N, C-alpha and C. Protein backbone atom coordinates (compact mmCIF):
# COMPACT_ATOMS: atom_id res chain seq x y z
N ASP A 1 80.57 115.76 53.91
CA ASP A 1 79.84 116.34 55.38
C ASP A 1 78.50 115.45 55.15
N ASP A 2 77.65 115.60 55.75
CA ASP A 2 76.32 114.59 56.08
C ASP A 2 75.34 115.91 55.16
N LYS A 3 75.75 117.00 55.23
CA LYS A 3 74.77 117.81 54.57
C LYS A 3 74.92 118.54 53.37
N HIS A 4 74.01 118.22 52.43
CA HIS A 4 74.26 118.78 50.83
C HIS A 4 74.75 120.15 50.78
N THR A 5 74.33 121.16 51.31
CA THR A 5 74.90 122.26 51.29
C THR A 5 76.47 122.53 51.72
N ILE A 6 76.62 121.76 52.82
CA ILE A 6 77.99 122.21 52.67
C ILE A 6 78.82 121.32 52.03
N ARG A 7 78.43 120.55 51.24
CA ARG A 7 79.15 119.68 50.19
C ARG A 7 79.33 120.50 49.25
N PHE A 8 78.17 120.88 48.99
CA PHE A 8 78.20 122.29 47.63
C PHE A 8 79.20 123.05 47.89
N LEU A 9 79.10 123.81 49.17
CA LEU A 9 79.70 124.80 49.51
C LEU A 9 81.68 124.34 49.18
N ILE A 10 81.76 123.28 49.71
CA ILE A 10 83.03 122.73 50.07
C ILE A 10 83.63 122.77 48.34
N SER A 11 82.83 122.15 47.53
CA SER A 11 83.11 121.74 46.02
C SER A 11 83.36 123.21 45.22
N GLU A 12 82.49 124.48 45.69
CA GLU A 12 82.71 125.63 44.89
C GLU A 12 83.72 126.04 45.66
N VAL A 13 84.14 126.33 46.67
CA VAL A 13 85.60 127.00 47.21
C VAL A 13 86.74 126.13 46.31
N LEU A 14 86.66 124.65 46.52
CA LEU A 14 87.76 124.11 45.78
C LEU A 14 88.04 124.19 44.38
N LYS A 15 86.67 124.38 43.75
CA LYS A 15 87.19 124.52 42.20
C LYS A 15 88.12 125.27 41.86
N PRO A 16 88.55 126.61 42.25
CA PRO A 16 89.56 127.19 41.54
C PRO A 16 90.94 126.43 41.79
N LEU A 17 91.05 125.55 42.67
CA LEU A 17 92.48 124.74 42.26
C LEU A 17 92.33 124.14 41.23
N GLY A 18 91.40 123.85 40.32
CA GLY A 18 91.25 123.21 38.93
C GLY A 18 91.71 121.56 39.22
N HIS A 19 91.04 120.91 40.19
CA HIS A 19 91.20 119.78 40.40
C HIS A 19 89.62 119.10 40.35
N GLU A 20 89.12 118.05 39.36
CA GLU A 20 88.10 117.27 39.28
C GLU A 20 87.55 117.03 40.95
N ILE A 21 86.21 117.32 41.42
CA ILE A 21 85.82 117.25 42.37
C ILE A 21 85.01 116.05 42.67
N ASP A 22 84.66 115.19 43.26
CA ASP A 22 83.82 114.49 43.63
C ASP A 22 82.96 114.20 44.57
N ILE A 23 81.60 113.78 44.70
CA ILE A 23 81.09 113.98 46.12
C ILE A 23 80.51 112.59 46.53
N ALA A 24 80.74 112.34 48.00
CA ALA A 24 79.97 111.04 48.12
C ALA A 24 79.20 111.45 49.49
N GLU A 25 78.19 111.07 49.43
CA GLU A 25 76.77 111.21 50.86
C GLU A 25 77.25 110.78 52.06
N ASN A 26 78.12 109.66 52.04
CA ASN A 26 78.39 109.01 53.22
C ASN A 26 79.82 108.03 52.96
N GLY A 27 80.34 107.65 54.28
CA GLY A 27 81.35 107.29 54.31
C GLY A 27 81.93 105.76 53.51
N GLU A 28 80.58 105.06 53.50
CA GLU A 28 80.65 103.73 52.58
C GLU A 28 80.88 104.11 51.21
N ILE A 29 79.87 104.98 50.68
CA ILE A 29 79.83 105.54 49.32
C ILE A 29 81.45 106.03 49.07
N ALA A 30 81.88 106.78 49.88
CA ALA A 30 83.07 107.26 49.62
C ALA A 30 84.42 106.44 49.65
N LEU A 31 84.25 105.41 50.55
CA LEU A 31 84.98 104.14 50.18
C LEU A 31 85.28 103.12 49.03
N GLN A 32 83.92 103.20 48.19
CA GLN A 32 83.60 102.28 47.45
C GLN A 32 84.09 103.37 46.31
N LYS A 33 84.28 104.49 46.04
CA LYS A 33 84.58 105.33 45.08
C LYS A 33 86.27 105.72 45.17
N ILE A 34 86.56 105.62 46.13
CA ILE A 34 88.15 105.66 46.26
C ILE A 34 88.77 104.45 46.23
N SER A 35 88.06 103.06 46.33
CA SER A 35 88.77 102.10 45.85
C SER A 35 88.48 101.53 44.23
N GLU A 36 87.72 102.42 43.61
CA GLU A 36 87.21 102.24 42.07
C GLU A 36 88.49 103.27 41.32
N ARG A 37 88.72 104.58 42.13
CA ARG A 37 89.78 105.48 41.16
C ARG A 37 90.75 106.06 41.89
N SER A 38 91.49 106.73 41.76
CA SER A 38 92.55 107.51 42.16
C SER A 38 91.87 109.25 42.70
N TYR A 39 92.15 109.34 43.64
CA TYR A 39 92.00 110.75 44.16
C TYR A 39 93.40 111.25 44.64
N ASP A 40 93.40 112.89 44.74
CA ASP A 40 94.69 113.31 45.28
C ASP A 40 94.29 113.91 46.72
N LEU A 41 93.02 114.00 47.20
CA LEU A 41 92.62 114.49 48.65
C LEU A 41 91.48 114.03 48.82
N VAL A 42 91.06 113.69 50.32
CA VAL A 42 90.05 113.42 50.76
C VAL A 42 89.55 114.23 51.93
N ILE A 43 88.41 114.89 51.70
CA ILE A 43 87.47 115.71 52.77
C ILE A 43 86.47 115.33 53.46
N ALA A 44 86.51 115.06 54.43
CA ALA A 44 85.39 114.02 54.90
C ALA A 44 85.03 114.88 56.27
N ASP A 45 83.57 114.84 56.93
CA ASP A 45 83.17 115.38 58.09
C ASP A 45 83.43 114.10 58.96
N TYR A 46 83.45 114.68 60.43
CA TYR A 46 84.15 113.59 61.57
C TYR A 46 83.02 112.81 61.57
N LEU A 47 81.76 113.42 61.05
CA LEU A 47 80.42 112.50 61.53
C LEU A 47 80.14 111.95 60.03
N ILE A 48 80.53 111.05 59.52
CA ILE A 48 80.41 110.66 58.36
C ILE A 48 79.69 109.02 58.39
N PHE A 49 78.37 108.66 58.61
CA PHE A 49 77.60 107.98 58.76
C PHE A 49 77.67 106.92 57.57
N PRO A 50 77.68 105.59 57.54
CA PRO A 50 77.57 104.61 58.66
C PRO A 50 78.56 104.28 59.75
N ILE A 51 79.79 104.74 59.06
CA ILE A 51 81.11 104.65 60.01
C ILE A 51 81.48 105.71 60.38
N THR A 52 82.69 105.65 61.45
CA THR A 52 83.13 106.86 61.89
C THR A 52 84.23 107.53 61.22
N SER A 53 84.76 108.21 61.40
CA SER A 53 85.84 108.88 60.77
C SER A 53 86.97 108.20 61.01
N LEU A 54 87.22 107.87 62.40
CA LEU A 54 88.45 107.13 62.73
C LEU A 54 88.11 106.05 61.26
N GLU A 55 87.34 105.35 61.69
CA GLU A 55 87.15 103.99 60.72
C GLU A 55 87.42 104.01 59.15
N LEU A 56 86.72 105.46 58.42
CA LEU A 56 86.76 106.03 57.28
C LEU A 56 88.40 106.05 57.00
N VAL A 57 89.01 106.79 57.71
CA VAL A 57 90.83 107.31 57.86
C VAL A 57 91.29 105.81 57.61
N GLU A 58 91.40 104.86 58.83
CA GLU A 58 91.68 103.51 58.61
C GLU A 58 91.50 102.87 57.24
N ARG A 59 90.39 102.62 56.74
CA ARG A 59 90.42 101.97 55.58
C ARG A 59 90.75 102.85 54.32
N ILE A 60 90.71 104.07 54.65
CA ILE A 60 91.45 104.91 53.38
C ILE A 60 92.78 104.66 53.08
N LYS A 61 93.49 104.49 54.38
CA LYS A 61 94.86 104.14 54.67
C LYS A 61 95.20 102.66 54.25
N THR A 62 94.46 101.91 54.15
CA THR A 62 94.35 100.47 53.66
C THR A 62 94.39 100.52 52.29
N ILE A 63 93.62 101.20 51.83
CA ILE A 63 93.26 100.95 50.36
C ILE A 63 94.57 101.91 49.43
N ASN A 64 94.99 103.02 50.13
CA ASN A 64 95.72 104.15 49.47
C ASN A 64 96.55 104.75 50.51
N PRO A 65 97.77 104.09 51.01
CA PRO A 65 98.24 104.70 52.14
C PRO A 65 99.06 106.24 52.15
N ASP A 66 99.12 106.48 50.63
CA ASP A 66 99.66 107.71 50.54
C ASP A 66 98.52 109.01 50.26
N LEU A 67 97.30 108.49 50.14
CA LEU A 67 96.08 109.82 50.17
C LEU A 67 95.64 110.58 51.20
N PRO A 68 95.94 111.52 50.94
CA PRO A 68 96.04 112.70 52.15
C PRO A 68 94.20 112.49 52.43
N VAL A 69 94.04 112.81 53.76
CA VAL A 69 92.60 112.69 54.53
C VAL A 69 92.65 114.08 55.31
N LEU A 70 91.66 115.16 54.85
CA LEU A 70 91.50 115.99 55.89
C LEU A 70 90.19 116.29 56.36
N ILE A 71 89.92 115.86 57.89
CA ILE A 71 88.69 115.76 58.43
C ILE A 71 88.22 117.30 59.03
N THR A 72 86.97 117.39 58.72
CA THR A 72 86.22 118.77 59.55
C THR A 72 85.72 118.08 60.50
N ASN A 73 85.58 118.88 61.33
CA ASN A 73 84.96 118.42 62.94
C ASN A 73 84.39 119.33 64.04
N THR A 74 83.32 119.25 64.62
CA THR A 74 83.46 119.92 66.01
C THR A 74 83.52 119.37 67.13
N ASN A 75 83.53 117.85 67.32
CA ASN A 75 83.73 117.03 68.22
C ASN A 75 85.28 116.40 68.84
N GLY A 76 86.19 117.38 68.55
CA GLY A 76 87.59 116.79 68.79
C GLY A 76 88.48 115.72 68.27
N GLY A 77 89.08 114.75 68.77
CA GLY A 77 89.40 113.41 68.25
C GLY A 77 90.50 113.98 67.30
N GLU A 78 91.07 115.30 67.24
CA GLU A 78 92.13 115.41 66.27
C GLU A 78 93.48 114.33 66.51
N LYS A 79 93.81 113.94 67.94
CA LYS A 79 94.84 113.46 68.13
C LYS A 79 94.50 111.93 67.73
N GLU A 80 93.54 111.38 67.70
CA GLU A 80 93.25 109.94 67.17
C GLU A 80 93.37 109.90 65.74
N LEU A 81 92.59 111.07 65.32
CA LEU A 81 92.76 111.18 63.90
C LEU A 81 94.01 110.98 63.17
N ARG A 82 94.88 112.14 63.68
CA ARG A 82 96.17 112.10 62.98
C ARG A 82 96.91 110.57 63.52
N GLU A 83 96.69 110.16 64.51
CA GLU A 83 97.45 108.92 64.41
C GLU A 83 96.83 107.74 63.78
N LYS A 84 95.81 107.71 63.26
CA LYS A 84 95.21 106.78 61.99
C LYS A 84 95.60 107.22 60.73
N GLY A 85 96.47 108.65 60.52
CA GLY A 85 96.67 108.75 59.13
C GLY A 85 96.17 110.01 58.85
N ALA A 86 95.31 110.81 59.28
CA ALA A 86 94.49 112.18 58.69
C ALA A 86 95.68 112.84 58.49
N ILE A 87 95.77 113.91 57.70
CA ILE A 87 96.86 114.57 57.40
C ILE A 87 96.46 115.98 58.39
N ALA A 88 95.26 116.36 58.21
CA ALA A 88 94.99 117.47 59.20
C ALA A 88 93.43 117.45 60.06
N CYS A 89 92.99 118.23 60.43
CA CYS A 89 91.70 118.45 60.84
C CYS A 89 91.29 120.19 61.21
N ILE A 90 90.01 119.94 60.41
CA ILE A 90 89.59 121.71 60.59
C ILE A 90 88.27 121.73 61.47
N LYS A 91 88.30 122.72 62.38
CA LYS A 91 86.97 123.12 63.30
C LYS A 91 86.15 123.39 62.13
N LYS A 92 84.95 122.87 62.75
CA LYS A 92 83.86 123.66 62.33
C LYS A 92 83.35 124.75 63.16
N PRO A 93 82.54 125.86 62.91
CA PRO A 93 82.23 126.32 61.38
C PRO A 93 83.48 126.42 60.44
N ILE A 94 83.24 126.12 59.33
CA ILE A 94 84.42 125.59 58.79
C ILE A 94 84.73 127.00 57.94
N ASN A 95 86.07 127.79 58.11
CA ASN A 95 86.60 128.82 57.93
C ASN A 95 87.00 128.29 56.18
N PHE A 96 86.24 128.75 55.34
CA PHE A 96 86.51 128.52 53.67
C PHE A 96 87.94 128.89 53.20
N SER A 97 88.00 130.00 53.74
CA SER A 97 89.35 130.52 53.17
C SER A 97 90.46 129.51 53.83
N GLN A 98 90.26 129.08 55.12
CA GLN A 98 91.44 128.21 55.85
C GLN A 98 91.69 126.74 55.03
N LEU A 99 90.30 126.32 54.74
CA LEU A 99 89.88 125.17 53.89
C LEU A 99 90.54 125.21 52.46
N PHE A 100 90.47 126.39 51.88
CA PHE A 100 91.30 126.58 50.42
C PHE A 100 92.60 126.50 50.41
N LEU A 101 93.05 127.14 51.34
CA LEU A 101 94.61 127.41 51.44
C LEU A 101 95.39 125.79 51.88
N LEU A 102 94.53 125.53 53.15
CA LEU A 102 94.99 124.01 53.63
C LEU A 102 95.07 123.05 52.34
N SER A 103 93.92 122.86 51.66
CA SER A 103 93.72 122.08 50.42
C SER A 103 94.77 122.52 49.55
N LYS A 104 95.44 123.73 49.28
CA LYS A 104 96.19 124.07 48.17
C LYS A 104 97.45 123.37 48.48
N VAL A 105 97.76 123.89 49.71
CA VAL A 105 99.31 123.26 50.00
C VAL A 105 99.26 121.63 49.92
N ILE A 106 98.43 121.02 50.59
CA ILE A 106 98.36 119.66 50.39
C ILE A 106 98.35 119.01 49.20
N LEU A 107 97.61 119.75 48.02
CA LEU A 107 97.82 119.23 46.86
C LEU A 107 98.96 119.63 46.23
N ASN A 108 99.39 120.73 46.52
CA ASN A 108 100.88 121.23 45.88
C ASN A 108 101.81 120.47 46.31
N ASN A 109 101.90 119.69 47.33
CA ASN A 109 102.92 118.87 47.99
C ASN A 109 103.01 117.39 47.23
N LYS A 110 101.54 117.18 46.74
CA LYS A 110 101.42 115.91 46.24
C LYS A 110 102.47 115.66 44.76
N LEU A 111 102.11 117.07 44.15
CA LEU A 111 102.78 117.01 42.89
C LEU A 111 104.50 116.74 42.98
């Protein structure tokens, strides 16, 4: 997410899942991190400047086709994101209980 507070809240909500959490301030930084190490799940905002979330999903799938990508958004575009490979989209404002449960299901299915 482009807002520090939202990134912090998401990381706090997901801590009980027991996975290491890494935060990227924008899409380019996220792609750099994904190319350098292994991740179990990517959660990104629909507006992830300087690139679009569609481009982010496409590029993640080029780096790691099996990496699940969950997008939070207010702008629609779910169909296109799913076609590019996003596993799910969550509407904003974020329901943190929903985000936790969906992340748990995605991570448990990866094991």
